[in-house]
């Protein structure tokens, strides 16, 4: 007999341990990590290799959602990242 499992939404439900600028450890959702990145000191996994793996996942998600229609020059890329960071745009898009 199969039992029905509750679904877990990686985008909206908290699962990523982070350390705030006040050095508090919190669990945030994927969207919250991008939305609150400017208020975070870093990740707070149980072991450093966990943080490295999660950084790779976060980078892949961010690069996937900000993929341009055409190749960008280094200057264009720098400008885009700077404007996104200031506007906290990738999480809002």
PDB file of N, CA and C in Angstrom:
ATOM      1  N   UNK A   1       0.843  -1.181   0.000  1.00  0.00           N
ATOM      2  CA  UNK A   1       0.000   0.000   0.000  1.00  0.00           C
ATOM      3  C   UNK A   1       0.887   1.243   0.000  1.00  0.00           C
ATOM      4  N   UNK A   2       0.641   2.131  -0.929  1.00  0.00           N
ATOM      5  CA  UNK A   2       1.417   3.369  -0.999  1.00  0.00           C
ATOM      6  C   UNK A   2       0.744   4.434  -0.149  1.00  0.00           C
ATOM      7  N   UNK A   3       1.564   5.163   0.551  1.00  0.00           N
ATOM      8  CA  UNK A   3       1.026   6.264   1.346  1.00  0.00           C
ATOM      9  C   UNK A   3       1.298   7.568   0.622  1.00  0.00           C
ATOM     10  N   UNK A   4       0.421   8.488   0.789  1.00  0.00           N
ATOM     11  CA  UNK A   4       0.563   9.788   0.152  1.00  0.00           C
ATOM     12  C   UNK A   4       1.474  10.661   1.004  1.00  0.00           C
ATOM     13  N   UNK A   5       2.486  11.268   0.350  1.00  0.00           N
ATOM     14  CA  UNK A   5       3.407  12.148   1.073  1.00  0.00           C
ATOM     15  C   UNK A   5       3.049  13.602   0.781  1.00  0.00           C
ATOM     16  N   UNK A   6       3.257  14.412   1.769  1.00  0.00           N
ATOM     17  CA  UNK A   6       3.028  15.840   1.592  1.00  0.00           C
ATOM     18  C   UNK A   6       4.117  16.408   0.691  1.00  0.00           C
ATOM     19  N   UNK A   7       3.757  17.302  -0.178  1.00  0.00           N
ATOM     20  CA  UNK A   7       4.721  17.940  -1.075  1.00  0.00           C
ATOM     21  C   UNK A   7       5.486  19.025  -0.327  1.00  0.00           C
ATOM     22  N   UNK A   8       6.743  19.175  -0.693  1.00  0.00           N
ATOM     23  CA  UNK A   8       7.583  20.209  -0.098  1.00  0.00           C
ATOM     24  C   UNK A   8       8.016  21.150  -1.213  1.00  0.00           C
ATOM     25  N   UNK A   9       7.715  22.416  -1.087  1.00  0.00           N
ATOM     26  CA  UNK A   9       8.018  23.402  -2.113  1.00  0.00           C
ATOM     27  C   UNK A   9       9.369  24.043  -1.808  1.00  0.00           C
ATOM     28  N   UNK A  10      10.400  23.698  -2.585  1.00  0.00           N
ATOM     29  CA  UNK A  10      11.753  24.226  -2.356  1.00  0.00           C
ATOM     30  C   UNK A  10      11.849  25.727  -2.567  1.00  0.00           C
ATOM     31  N   UNK A  11      10.955  26.292  -3.355  1.00  0.00           N
ATOM     32  CA  UNK A  11      10.994  27.737  -3.600  1.00  0.00           C
ATOM     33  C   UNK A  11      10.489  28.548  -2.410  1.00  0.00           C
ATOM     34  N   UNK A  12       9.417  28.087  -1.805  1.00  0.00           N
ATOM     35  CA  UNK A  12       8.729  28.908  -0.802  1.00  0.00           C
ATOM     36  C   UNK A  12       8.849  28.444   0.648  1.00  0.00           C
ATOM     37  N   UNK A  13       9.223  27.194   0.865  1.00  0.00           N
ATOM     38  CA  UNK A  13       9.320  26.696   2.239  1.00  0.00           C
ATOM     39  C   UNK A  13      10.761  26.782   2.741  1.00  0.00           C
ATOM     40  N   UNK A  14      10.948  27.185   3.989  1.00  0.00           N
ATOM     41  CA  UNK A  14      12.308  27.329   4.541  1.00  0.00           C
ATOM     42  C   UNK A  14      13.052  25.994   4.626  1.00  0.00           C
ATOM     43  N   UNK A  15      14.308  25.981   4.132  1.00  0.00           N
ATOM     44  CA  UNK A  15      15.144  24.780   4.219  1.00  0.00           C
ATOM     45  C   UNK A  15      16.633  25.091   4.160  1.00  0.00           C
ATOM     46  N   UNK A  16      16.980  26.332   3.855  1.00  0.00           N
ATOM     47  CA  UNK A  16      18.382  26.723   3.726  1.00  0.00           C
ATOM     48  C   UNK A  16      18.805  27.464   4.992  1.00  0.00           C
ATOM     49  N   UNK A  17      19.792  26.914   5.701  1.00  0.00           N
ATOM     50  CA  UNK A  17      20.274  27.568   6.912  1.00  0.00           C
ATOM     51  C   UNK A  17      21.251  28.676   6.542  1.00  0.00           C
ATOM     52  N   UNK A  18      20.969  29.871   7.060  1.00  0.00           N
ATOM     53  CA  UNK A  18      21.801  31.044   6.786  1.00  0.00           C
ATOM     54  C   UNK A  18      22.186  31.719   8.090  1.00  0.00           C
ATOM     55  N   UNK A  19      23.222  32.547   8.009  1.00  0.00           N
ATOM     56  CA  UNK A  19      23.638  33.366   9.152  1.00  0.00           C
ATOM     57  C   UNK A  19      23.421  34.821   8.763  1.00  0.00           C
ATOM     58  N   UNK A  20      22.679  35.543   9.595  1.00  0.00           N
ATOM     59  CA  UNK A  20      22.378  36.946   9.326  1.00  0.00           C
ATOM     60  C   UNK A  20      23.568  37.827   9.720  1.00  0.00           C
ATOM     61  N   UNK A  21      23.485  39.093   9.376  1.00  0.00           N
ATOM     62  CA  UNK A  21      24.531  40.038   9.772  1.00  0.00           C
ATOM     63  C   UNK A  21      24.641  40.140  11.291  1.00  0.00           C
ATOM     64  N   UNK A  22      23.549  39.856  11.992  1.00  0.00           N
ATOM     65  CA  UNK A  22      23.550  39.850  13.463  1.00  0.00           C
ATOM     66  C   UNK A  22      24.025  38.506  14.019  1.00  0.00           C
ATOM     67  N   UNK A  23      24.525  37.632  13.142  1.00  0.00           N
ATOM     68  CA  UNK A  23      25.065  36.305  13.486  1.00  0.00           C
ATOM     69  C   UNK A  23      24.018  35.320  13.985  1.00  0.00           C
ATOM     70  N   UNK A  24      22.759  35.557  13.679  1.00  0.00           N
ATOM     71  CA  UNK A  24      21.693  34.626  14.032  1.00  0.00           C
ATOM     72  C   UNK A  24      21.547  33.603  12.911  1.00  0.00           C
ATOM     73  N   UNK A  25      21.272  32.360  13.271  1.00  0.00           N
ATOM     74  CA  UNK A  25      21.033  31.320  12.271  1.00  0.00           C
ATOM     75  C   UNK A  25      19.527  31.213  12.042  1.00  0.00           C
ATOM     76  N   UNK A  26      19.141  31.246  10.770  1.00  0.00           N
ATOM     77  CA  UNK A  26      17.736  31.133  10.392  1.00  0.00           C
ATOM     78  C   UNK A  26      17.616  30.154   9.233  1.00  0.00           C
ATOM     79  N   UNK A  27      16.424  29.621   9.032  1.00  0.00           N
ATOM     80  CA  UNK A  27      16.139  28.827   7.843  1.00  0.00           C
ATOM     81  C   UNK A  27      15.271  29.671   6.923  1.00  0.00           C
ATOM     82  N   UNK A  28      15.699  29.764   5.653  1.00  0.00           N
ATOM     83  CA  UNK A  28      14.969  30.544   4.670  1.00  0.00           C
ATOM     84  C   UNK A  28      14.633  29.688   3.462  1.00  0.00           C
ATOM     85  N   UNK A  29      13.636  30.109   2.721  1.00  0.00           N
ATOM     86  CA  UNK A  29      13.307  29.448   1.462  1.00  0.00           C
ATOM     87  C   UNK A  29      14.307  29.916   0.398  1.00  0.00           C
ATOM     88  N   UNK A  30      14.301  29.255  -0.734  1.00  0.00           N
ATOM     89  CA  UNK A  30      15.181  29.639  -1.834  1.00  0.00           C
ATOM     90  C   UNK A  30      14.918  31.085  -2.259  1.00  0.00           C
ATOM     91  N   UNK A  31      13.654  31.448  -2.389  1.00  0.00           N
ATOM     92  CA  UNK A  31      13.312  32.819  -2.788  1.00  0.00           C
ATOM     93  C   UNK A  31      13.736  33.828  -1.720  1.00  0.00           C
ATOM     94  N   UNK A  32      13.590  33.477  -0.458  1.00  0.00           N
ATOM     95  CA  UNK A  32      13.992  34.392   0.617  1.00  0.00           C
ATOM     96  C   UNK A  32      15.501  34.605   0.632  1.00  0.00           C
ATOM     97  N   UNK A  33      16.276  33.563   0.312  1.00  0.00           N
ATOM     98  CA  UNK A  33      17.733  33.710   0.290  1.00  0.00           C
ATOM     99  C   UNK A  33      18.128  34.774  -0.726  1.00  0.00           C
ATOM    100  N   UNK A  34      17.532  34.733  -1.914  1.00  0.00           N
ATOM    101  CA  UNK A  34      17.853  35.748  -2.921  1.00  0.00           C
ATOM    102  C   UNK A  34      17.296  37.113  -2.530  1.00  0.00           C
ATOM    103  N   UNK A  35      16.097  37.128  -1.979  1.00  0.00           N
ATOM    104  CA  UNK A  35      15.471  38.393  -1.605  1.00  0.00           C
ATOM    105  C   UNK A  35      16.200  39.084  -0.456  1.00  0.00           C
ATOM    106  N   UNK A  36      16.753  38.307   0.479  1.00  0.00           N
ATOM    107  CA  UNK A  36      17.395  38.877   1.666  1.00  0.00           C
ATOM    108  C   UNK A  36      18.918  38.771   1.632  1.00  0.00           C
ATOM    109  N   UNK A  37      19.491  38.486   0.467  1.00  0.00           N
ATOM    110  CA  UNK A  37      20.939  38.272   0.355  1.00  0.00           C
ATOM    111  C   UNK A  37      21.743  39.425   0.943  1.00  0.00           C
ATOM    112  N   UNK A  38      21.256  40.627   0.791  1.00  0.00           N
ATOM    113  CA  UNK A  38      21.979  41.797   1.290  1.00  0.00           C
ATOM    114  C   UNK A  38      21.995  41.869   2.823  1.00  0.00           C
ATOM    115  N   UNK A  39      21.191  41.045   3.479  1.00  0.00           N
ATOM    116  CA  UNK A  39      21.149  41.048   4.952  1.00  0.00           C
ATOM    117  C   UNK A  39      21.799  39.801   5.539  1.00  0.00           C
ATOM    118  N   UNK A  40      22.452  39.004   4.692  1.00  0.00           N
ATOM    119  CA  UNK A  40      23.030  37.742   5.156  1.00  0.00           C
ATOM    120  C   UNK A  40      24.545  37.800   5.178  1.00  0.00           C
ATOM    121  N   UNK A  41      25.124  37.169   6.193  1.00  0.00           N
ATOM    122  CA  UNK A  41      26.573  37.037   6.310  1.00  0.00           C
ATOM    123  C   UNK A  41      27.045  35.848   5.492  1.00  0.00           C
ATOM    124  N   UNK A  42      26.242  34.784   5.447  1.00  0.00           N
ATOM    125  CA  UNK A  42      26.610  33.596   4.699  1.00  0.00           C
ATOM    126  C   UNK A  42      25.685  32.439   5.008  1.00  0.00           C
ATOM    127  N   UNK A  43      26.077  31.269   4.538  1.00  0.00           N
ATOM    128  CA  UNK A  43      25.316  30.060   4.803  1.00  0.00           C
ATOM    129  C   UNK A  43      25.740  29.480   6.148  1.00  0.00           C
ATOM    130  N   UNK A  44      24.905  28.638   6.721  1.00  0.00           N
ATOM    131  CA  UNK A  44      25.185  28.086   8.053  1.00  0.00           C
ATOM    132  C   UNK A  44      24.887  26.593   8.097  1.00  0.00           C
ATOM    133  N   UNK A  45      25.386  25.872   7.106  1.00  0.00           N
ATOM    134  CA  UNK A  45      25.176  24.430   7.081  1.00  0.00           C
ATOM    135  C   UNK A  45      25.914  23.741   8.219  1.00  0.00           C
ATOM    136  N   UNK A  46      25.668  22.462   8.373  1.00  0.00           N
ATOM    137  CA  UNK A  46      26.281  21.706   9.460  1.00  0.00           C
ATOM    138  C   UNK A  46      27.776  21.484   9.237  1.00  0.00           C
ATOM    139  N   UNK A  47      28.189  21.381   7.961  1.00  0.00           N
ATOM    140  CA  UNK A  47      29.606  21.212   7.624  1.00  0.00           C
ATOM    141  C   UNK A  47      29.928  22.095   6.426  1.00  0.00           C
ATOM    142  N   UNK A  48      31.180  22.545   6.302  1.00  0.00           N
ATOM    143  CA  UNK A  48      31.541  23.467   5.212  1.00  0.00           C
ATOM    144  C   UNK A  48      31.233  22.935   3.811  1.00  0.00           C
ATOM    145  N   UNK A  49      31.385  21.638   3.599  1.00  0.00           N
ATOM    146  CA  UNK A  49      31.111  21.104   2.261  1.00  0.00           C
ATOM    147  C   UNK A  49      29.633  21.225   1.896  1.00  0.00           C
ATOM    148  N   UNK A  50      28.777  21.247   2.875  1.00  0.00           N
ATOM    149  CA  UNK A  50      27.349  21.461   2.645  1.00  0.00           C
ATOM    150  C   UNK A  50      27.127  22.867   2.090  1.00  0.00           C
ATOM    151  N   UNK A  51      27.819  23.842   2.666  1.00  0.00           N
ATOM    152  CA  UNK A  51      27.693  25.227   2.195  1.00  0.00           C
ATOM    153  C   UNK A  51      28.199  25.371   0.763  1.00  0.00           C
ATOM    154  N   UNK A  52      29.307  24.720   0.446  1.00  0.00           N
ATOM    155  CA  UNK A  52      29.865  24.794  -0.907  1.00  0.00           C
ATOM    156  C   UNK A  52      28.875  24.219  -1.911  1.00  0.00           C
ATOM    157  N   UNK A  53      28.306  23.072  -1.601  1.00  0.00           N
ATOM    158  CA  UNK A  53      27.335  22.453  -2.504  1.00  0.00           C
ATOM    159  C   UNK A  53      26.109  23.352  -2.687  1.00  0.00           C
ATOM    160  N   UNK A  54      25.662  23.973  -1.622  1.00  0.00           N
ATOM    161  CA  UNK A  54      24.492  24.838  -1.707  1.00  0.00           C
ATOM    162  C   UNK A  54      24.798  26.114  -2.497  1.00  0.00           C
ATOM    163  N   UNK A  55      26.003  26.633  -2.354  1.00  0.00           N
ATOM    164  CA  UNK A  55      26.396  27.807  -3.149  1.00  0.00           C
ATOM    165  C   UNK A  55      26.318  27.468  -4.632  1.00  0.00           C
ATOM    166  N   UNK A  56      26.743  26.265  -4.997  1.00  0.00           N
ATOM    167  CA  UNK A  56      26.662  25.842  -6.400  1.00  0.00           C
ATOM    168  C   UNK A  56      25.218  25.772  -6.874  1.00  0.00           C
ATOM    169  N   UNK A  57      24.330  25.280  -6.032  1.00  0.00           N
ATOM    170  CA  UNK A  57      22.911  25.223  -6.385  1.00  0.00           C
ATOM    171  C   UNK A  57      22.356  26.633  -6.550  1.00  0.00           C
ATOM    172  N   UNK A  58      22.661  27.515  -5.595  1.00  0.00           N
ATOM    173  CA  UNK A  58      22.177  28.900  -5.666  1.00  0.00           C
ATOM    174  C   UNK A  58      22.701  29.601  -6.918  1.00  0.00           C
ATOM    175  N   UNK A  59      23.975  29.375  -7.230  1.00  0.00           N
ATOM    176  CA  UNK A  59      24.557  29.980  -8.425  1.00  0.00           C
ATOM    177  C   UNK A  59      23.872  29.463  -9.690  1.00  0.00           C
ATOM    178  N   UNK A  60      23.624  28.174  -9.759  1.00  0.00           N
ATOM    179  CA  UNK A  60      22.965  27.597 -10.932  1.00  0.00           C
ATOM    180  C   UNK A  60      21.561  28.168 -11.114  1.00  0.00           C
ATOM    181  N   UNK A  61      20.828  28.312 -10.020  1.00  0.00           N
ATOM    182  CA  UNK A  61      19.483  28.887 -10.092  1.00  0.00           C
ATOM    183  C   UNK A  61      19.559  30.332 -10.562  1.00  0.00           C
ATOM    184  N   UNK A  62      20.442  31.103  -9.968  1.00  0.00           N
ATOM    185  CA  UNK A  62      20.561  32.512 -10.328  1.00  0.00           C
ATOM    186  C   UNK A  62      20.983  32.692 -11.777  1.00  0.00           C
ATOM    187  N   UNK A  63      21.957  31.920 -12.217  1.00  0.00           N
ATOM    188  CA  UNK A  63      22.392  32.026 -13.618  1.00  0.00           C
ATOM    189  C   UNK A  63      21.303  31.557 -14.572  1.00  0.00           C
ATOM    190  N   UNK A  64      20.539  30.558 -14.152  1.00  0.00           N
ATOM    191  CA  UNK A  64      19.451  30.069 -14.997  1.00  0.00           C
ATOM    192  C   UNK A  64      18.344  31.087 -15.201  1.00  0.00           C
ATOM    193  N   UNK A  65      18.008  31.823 -14.163  1.00  0.00           N
ATOM    194  CA  UNK A  65      16.910  32.795 -14.288  1.00  0.00           C
ATOM    195  C   UNK A  65      17.361  34.120 -14.875  1.00  0.00           C
ATOM    196  N   UNK A  66      18.657  34.355 -14.930  1.00  0.00           N
ATOM    197  CA  UNK A  66      19.150  35.628 -15.477  1.00  0.00           C
ATOM    198  C   UNK A  66      19.862  35.432 -16.809  1.00  0.00           C
ATOM    199  N   UNK A  67      19.659  34.278 -17.432  1.00  0.00           N
ATOM    200  CA  UNK A  67      20.322  33.975 -18.703  1.00  0.00           C
ATOM    201  C   UNK A  67      19.883  34.977 -19.777  1.00  0.00           C
ATOM    202  N   UNK A  68      20.832  35.607 -20.431  1.00  0.00           N
ATOM    203  CA  UNK A  68      20.477  36.599 -21.456  1.00  0.00           C
ATOM    204  C   UNK A  68      20.075  35.934 -22.768  1.00  0.00           C
ATOM    205  N   UNK A  69      19.407  36.707 -23.612  1.00  0.00           N
ATOM    206  CA  UNK A  69      19.027  36.234 -24.945  1.00  0.00           C
ATOM    207  C   UNK A  69      20.240  36.163 -25.872  1.00  0.00           C
ATOM    208  N   UNK A  70      21.278  36.888 -25.520  1.00  0.00           N
ATOM    209  CA  UNK A  70      22.502  36.925 -26.325  1.00  0.00           C
ATOM    210  C   UNK A  70      23.689  37.007 -25.379  1.00  0.00           C
ATOM    211  N   UNK A  71      24.875  36.657 -25.851  1.00  0.00           N
ATOM    212  CA  UNK A  71      26.059  36.776 -24.976  1.00  0.00           C
ATOM    213  C   UNK A  71      26.285  38.223 -24.539  1.00  0.00           C
ATOM    214  N   UNK A  72      26.726  38.397 -23.310  1.00  0.00           N
ATOM    215  CA  UNK A  72      27.019  39.736 -22.784  1.00  0.00           C
ATOM    216  C   UNK A  72      28.529  39.931 -22.709  1.00  0.00           C
ATOM    217  N   UNK A  73      28.954  41.173 -22.879  1.00  0.00           N
ATOM    218  CA  UNK A  73      30.361  41.496 -22.647  1.00  0.00           C
ATOM    219  C   UNK A  73      30.594  41.498 -21.133  1.00  0.00           C
ATOM    220  N   UNK A  74      31.856  41.502 -20.734  1.00  0.00           N
ATOM    221  CA  UNK A  74      32.163  41.562 -19.303  1.00  0.00           C
ATOM    222  C   UNK A  74      31.589  42.817 -18.671  1.00  0.00           C
ATOM    223  N   UNK A  75      31.688  43.955 -19.383  1.00  0.00           N
ATOM    224  CA  UNK A  75      31.147  45.209 -18.856  1.00  0.00           C
ATOM    225  C   UNK A  75      29.627  45.139 -18.690  1.00  0.00           C
ATOM    226  N   UNK A  76      28.938  44.543 -19.665  1.00  0.00           N
ATOM    227  CA  UNK A  76      27.489  44.398 -19.560  1.00  0.00           C
ATOM    228  C   UNK A  76      27.118  43.487 -18.378  1.00  0.00           C
ATOM    229  N   UNK A  77      27.848  42.391 -18.236  1.00  0.00           N
ATOM    230  CA  UNK A  77      27.580  41.472 -17.129  1.00  0.00           C
ATOM    231  C   UNK A  77      27.772  42.152 -15.789  1.00  0.00           C
ATOM    232  N   UNK A  78      28.851  42.904 -15.653  1.00  0.00           N
ATOM    233  CA  UNK A  78      29.115  43.622 -14.407  1.00  0.00           C
ATOM    234  C   UNK A  78      28.008  44.632 -14.124  1.00  0.00           C
ATOM    235  N   UNK A  79      27.589  45.361 -15.150  1.00  0.00           N
ATOM    236  CA  UNK A  79      26.513  46.331 -14.995  1.00  0.00           C
ATOM    237  C   UNK A  79      25.220  45.635 -14.550  1.00  0.00           C
ATOM    238  N   UNK A  80      24.882  44.505 -15.187  1.00  0.00           N
ATOM    239  CA  UNK A  80      23.659  43.769 -14.842  1.00  0.00           C
ATOM    240  C   UNK A  80      23.698  43.286 -13.397  1.00  0.00           C
ATOM    241  N   UNK A  81      24.796  42.652 -13.000  1.00  0.00           N
ATOM    242  CA  UNK A  81      24.899  42.150 -11.631  1.00  0.00           C
ATOM    243  C   UNK A  81      24.797  43.295 -10.632  1.00  0.00           C
ATOM    244  N   UNK A  82      25.450  44.421 -10.924  1.00  0.00           N
ATOM    245  CA  UNK A  82      25.395  45.567 -10.011  1.00  0.00           C
ATOM    246  C   UNK A  82      23.968  46.096  -9.889  1.00  0.00           C
ATOM    247  N   UNK A  83      23.286  46.242 -11.016  1.00  0.00           N
ATOM    248  CA  UNK A  83      21.921  46.778 -10.966  1.00  0.00           C
ATOM    249  C   UNK A  83      20.965  45.794 -10.309  1.00  0.00           C
ATOM    250  N   UNK A  84      21.155  44.481 -10.557  1.00  0.00           N
ATOM    251  CA  UNK A  84      20.306  43.489  -9.899  1.00  0.00           C
ATOM    252  C   UNK A  84      20.537  43.501  -8.396  1.00  0.00           C
ATOM    253  N   UNK A  85      21.785  43.599  -7.985  1.00  0.00           N
ATOM    254  CA  UNK A  85      22.095  43.589  -6.556  1.00  0.00           C
ATOM    255  C   UNK A  85      21.451  44.780  -5.863  1.00  0.00           C
ATOM    256  N   UNK A  86      21.591  45.952  -6.485  1.00  0.00           N
ATOM    257  CA  UNK A  86      21.014  47.156  -5.870  1.00  0.00           C
ATOM    258  C   UNK A  86      19.492  47.105  -5.813  1.00  0.00           C
ATOM    259  N   UNK A  87      18.877  46.543  -6.836  1.00  0.00           N
ATOM    260  CA  UNK A  87      17.416  46.485  -6.902  1.00  0.00           C
ATOM    261  C   UNK A  87      16.851  45.197  -6.303  1.00  0.00           C
ATOM    262  N   UNK A  88      17.755  44.275  -5.929  1.00  0.00           N
ATOM    263  CA  UNK A  88      17.344  42.954  -5.457  1.00  0.00           C
ATOM    264  C   UNK A  88      16.433  42.304  -6.484  1.00  0.00           C
ATOM    265  N   UNK A  89      16.744  42.519  -7.765  1.00  0.00           N
ATOM    266  CA  UNK A  89      15.862  42.149  -8.866  1.00  0.00           C
ATOM    267  C   UNK A  89      15.710  40.664  -9.164  1.00  0.00           C
ATOM    268  N   UNK A  90      16.757  39.843  -9.191  1.00  0.00           N
ATOM    269  CA  UNK A  90      16.503  38.469  -9.611  1.00  0.00           C
ATOM    270  C   UNK A  90      15.439  37.755  -8.775  1.00  0.00           C
ATOM    271  N   UNK A  91      15.389  38.037  -7.504  1.00  0.00           N
ATOM    272  CA  UNK A  91      14.381  37.385  -6.653  1.00  0.00           C
ATOM    273  C   UNK A  91      12.981  37.940  -6.930  1.00  0.00           C
ATOM    274  N   UNK A  92      12.906  39.135  -7.474  1.00  0.00           N
ATOM    275  CA  UNK A  92      11.611  39.755  -7.730  1.00  0.00           C
ATOM    276  C   UNK A  92      11.089  39.423  -9.121  1.00  0.00           C
ATOM    277  N   UNK A  93      11.968  38.963  -9.995  1.00  0.00           N
ATOM    278  CA  UNK A  93      11.584  38.706 -11.389  1.00  0.00           C
ATOM    279  C   UNK A  93      10.767  37.453 -11.531  1.00  0.00           C
TER     280      UNK A  93
END
